[in-house]
């Protein structure tokens, strides 16, 4: 979330197609693609278990799960589009920054709207129906995934505009720290 909020902050304070923070934006896109791919895998596992375990007579909950599946599919499509834009930008030798910037701004707008702070509407069900073993299986964290995301996070931090630090942003659904306004 720190990366997502830092990305949003930089995009909000720079003009479209301004290449001043191109390395930071590229690092953010790389991190977001990786982390959102992993988040999608965990979200799909949660969805699947809920669909299996929530009683069939809870029709409204199953309708909400169908809606969640639709949002997950949309997020997956957006992540794929960002990954393609990033690969195209890199494949072209970092030429055509404006096209990459446009794709990243679109992605940021859509993902922020989809991940708006809100209480998990399924927490009652996951709290009752999921075991610690379920959560361990869902997370699918490995030494490789940890190392990959740590390296990408470090790249984001190394390219962050001098006026910001990642510590300026909460790693929760909060926004910028109140003491850093």
Protein backbone atom coordinates (compact mmCIF):
# COMPACT_ATOMS: atom_id res chain seq x y z
CA UNK A 1 0.00 0.00 0.00
CA UNK A 2 2.92 2.33 0.60
CA UNK A 3 3.94 1.98 -3.03
CA UNK A 4 0.39 2.46 -4.27
CA UNK A 5 -0.05 5.62 -2.19
CA UNK A 6 3.38 7.00 -3.13
CA UNK A 7 2.62 6.32 -6.80
CA UNK A 8 -0.70 8.13 -6.50
CA UNK A 9 0.96 11.07 -4.78
CA UNK A 10 3.57 11.47 -7.52
CA UNK A 11 1.00 11.08 -10.31
CA UNK A 12 -1.22 13.70 -8.67
CA UNK A 13 1.62 16.22 -8.45
CA UNK A 14 3.15 15.78 -11.91
CA UNK A 15 1.82 16.62 -15.30
CA UNK A 16 0.96 13.77 -17.66
CA UNK A 17 3.91 12.65 -19.80
CA UNK A 18 6.42 14.50 -17.57
CA UNK A 19 9.44 12.16 -17.59
CA UNK A 20 11.10 13.67 -14.47
CA UNK A 21 10.12 10.65 -12.37
CA UNK A 22 10.19 8.00 -15.11
CA UNK A 23 12.48 5.63 -13.17
CA UNK A 24 10.25 5.86 -10.10
CA UNK A 25 7.09 5.27 -12.13
CA UNK A 26 8.68 2.29 -13.89
CA UNK A 27 9.75 0.81 -10.54
CA UNK A 28 6.24 1.33 -9.17
CA UNK A 29 4.66 -0.35 -12.18
CA UNK A 30 7.02 -3.31 -11.83
CA UNK A 31 6.20 -3.64 -8.13
CA UNK A 32 2.47 -3.21 -8.66
CA UNK A 33 2.32 -5.87 -11.38
CA UNK A 34 4.11 -8.39 -9.17
CA UNK A 35 2.29 -7.60 -5.94
CA UNK A 36 -1.13 -7.38 -7.57
CA UNK A 37 -0.56 -10.71 -9.34
CA UNK A 38 0.16 -12.28 -5.96
CA UNK A 39 -2.79 -10.50 -4.35
CA UNK A 40 -5.01 -11.80 -7.14
CA UNK A 41 -3.93 -15.37 -6.42
CA UNK A 42 -4.76 -14.97 -2.74
CA UNK A 43 -8.06 -13.25 -3.51
CA UNK A 44 -9.05 -16.05 -5.88
CA UNK A 45 -8.21 -18.65 -3.22
CA UNK A 46 -10.31 -16.76 -0.66
CA UNK A 47 -13.18 -16.45 -3.12
CA UNK A 48 -13.04 -20.15 -3.98
CA UNK A 49 -13.09 -21.23 -0.32
CA UNK A 50 -15.95 -18.85 0.47
CA UNK A 51 -17.97 -20.11 -2.48
CA UNK A 52 -17.41 -23.67 -1.23
CA UNK A 53 -18.05 -23.05 2.45
CA UNK A 54 -20.74 -20.37 2.71
CA UNK A 55 -24.09 -22.07 3.15
CA UNK A 56 -26.10 -22.20 -0.08
CA UNK A 57 -29.13 -20.64 1.60
CA UNK A 58 -27.14 -17.41 2.08
CA UNK A 59 -28.10 -16.31 -1.42
CA UNK A 60 -27.20 -12.65 -0.90
CA UNK A 61 -23.68 -13.58 0.21
CA UNK A 62 -23.26 -15.75 -2.90
CA UNK A 63 -24.47 -12.85 -5.06
CA UNK A 64 -21.88 -10.63 -3.39
CA UNK A 65 -19.24 -13.27 -4.09
CA UNK A 66 -20.23 -13.23 -7.77
CA UNK A 67 -19.79 -9.45 -7.76
CA UNK A 68 -16.40 -9.90 -6.10
CA UNK A 69 -15.38 -12.38 -8.80
CA UNK A 70 -16.29 -9.79 -11.43
CA UNK A 71 -14.17 -7.10 -9.69
CA UNK A 72 -11.28 -9.54 -9.42
CA UNK A 73 -11.50 -10.30 -13.14
CA UNK A 74 -11.47 -6.58 -13.92
CA UNK A 75 -8.44 -6.02 -11.67
CA UNK A 76 -6.71 -8.96 -13.36
CA UNK A 77 -7.37 -7.41 -16.78
CA UNK A 78 -6.05 -4.02 -15.61
CA UNK A 79 -2.91 -5.63 -14.20
CA UNK A 80 -2.34 -7.49 -17.46
CA UNK A 81 -2.70 -4.24 -19.42
CA UNK A 82 -0.19 -2.48 -17.16
CA UNK A 83 2.24 -5.38 -17.50
CA UNK A 84 1.95 -5.17 -21.31
CA UNK A 85 2.48 -1.39 -21.26
CA UNK A 86 5.54 -1.83 -19.04
CA UNK A 87 6.97 -4.55 -21.29
CA UNK A 88 6.34 -2.42 -24.37
CA UNK A 89 8.01 0.60 -22.75
CA UNK A 90 11.05 -1.44 -21.78
CA UNK A 91 11.13 -3.30 -25.09
CA UNK A 92 11.26 0.02 -26.93
CA UNK A 93 14.31 1.11 -24.95
CA UNK A 94 12.30 3.39 -22.67
CA UNK A 95 11.04 5.39 -25.60
CA UNK A 96 7.46 6.67 -25.74
CA UNK A 97 7.19 7.52 -22.06
CA UNK A 98 3.87 9.33 -22.67
CA UNK A 99 2.14 6.07 -23.65
CA UNK A 100 3.52 4.28 -20.59
CA UNK A 101 2.54 7.21 -18.35
CA UNK A 102 -1.00 7.18 -19.76
CA UNK A 103 -1.33 3.44 -19.09
CA UNK A 104 0.02 3.82 -15.55
CA UNK A 105 -2.31 6.73 -14.77
CA UNK A 106 -5.28 4.74 -16.05
CA UNK A 107 -4.24 1.73 -13.98
CA UNK A 108 -3.75 3.84 -10.86
CA UNK A 109 -7.17 5.45 -11.25
CA UNK A 110 -8.98 2.13 -11.72
CA UNK A 111 -7.14 0.24 -8.99
CA UNK A 112 -7.57 3.07 -6.48
CA UNK A 113 -11.30 3.13 -7.14
CA UNK A 114 -11.51 -0.65 -6.77
CA UNK A 115 -9.42 -0.78 -3.61
CA UNK A 116 -11.04 2.14 -1.84
CA UNK A 117 -10.83 1.77 1.92
CA UNK A 118 -13.69 -0.34 3.09
CA UNK A 119 -14.28 -3.03 5.65
CA UNK A 120 -14.06 -6.54 4.30
CA UNK A 121 -17.72 -7.52 3.86
CA UNK A 122 -16.82 -11.20 4.13
CA UNK A 123 -14.79 -11.05 7.36
CA UNK A 124 -17.62 -12.61 9.36
CA UNK A 125 -17.50 -15.62 7.06
CA UNK A 126 -13.73 -15.91 6.80
CA UNK A 127 -13.41 -15.58 10.59
CA UNK A 128 -15.85 -18.44 11.08
CA UNK A 129 -15.00 -20.70 8.14
CA UNK A 130 -11.23 -20.40 7.65
CA UNK A 131 -8.53 -22.10 9.71
CA UNK A 132 -4.95 -20.97 10.21
CA UNK A 133 -3.95 -23.71 7.73
CA UNK A 134 -6.35 -22.18 5.19
CA UNK A 135 -4.70 -18.77 5.60
CA UNK A 136 -1.24 -20.31 5.23
CA UNK A 137 -2.30 -22.06 2.02
CA UNK A 138 -3.98 -18.90 0.73
CA UNK A 139 -0.90 -16.71 1.27
CA UNK A 140 1.37 -18.88 -0.92
CA UNK A 141 4.36 -16.88 0.29
CA UNK A 142 7.71 -18.35 -0.65
CA UNK A 143 11.32 -17.26 -0.28
CA UNK A 144 11.21 -16.36 -3.99
CA UNK A 145 8.08 -14.17 -3.71
CA UNK A 146 9.51 -12.41 -0.66
CA UNK A 147 12.87 -11.78 -2.36
CA UNK A 148 11.24 -10.55 -5.56
CA UNK A 149 8.95 -8.08 -3.83
CA UNK A 150 11.72 -6.88 -1.49
CA UNK A 151 14.00 -6.16 -4.46
CA UNK A 152 11.23 -4.34 -6.32
CA UNK A 153 10.28 -2.38 -3.19
CA UNK A 154 13.93 -1.34 -2.80
CA UNK A 155 13.93 -0.16 -6.44
CA UNK A 156 10.87 1.97 -5.74
CA UNK A 157 12.51 3.43 -2.62
CA UNK A 158 15.76 4.13 -4.51
CA UNK A 159 13.91 6.11 -7.20
CA UNK A 160 11.43 7.96 -5.00
CA UNK A 161 11.43 11.73 -5.52
CA UNK A 162 13.70 13.42 -2.99
CA UNK A 163 10.76 15.25 -1.39
CA UNK A 164 9.17 11.94 -0.26
CA UNK A 165 10.00 8.82 1.68
CA UNK A 166 7.92 5.66 1.74
CA UNK A 167 7.60 6.19 5.48
CA UNK A 168 5.41 9.19 4.59
CA UNK A 169 2.71 6.68 3.68
CA UNK A 170 0.96 4.21 5.95
CA UNK A 171 1.08 0.55 5.00
CA UNK A 172 -2.64 0.41 5.72
CA UNK A 173 -5.70 1.71 3.97
CA UNK A 174 -4.86 5.15 5.37
CA UNK A 175 -3.45 7.89 3.24
CA UNK A 176 -0.48 10.15 3.94
CA UNK A 177 0.50 10.45 7.61
CA UNK A 178 -1.18 13.41 9.32
CA UNK A 179 2.16 14.66 10.67
CA UNK A 180 3.58 14.82 7.11
CA UNK A 181 1.05 17.17 5.55
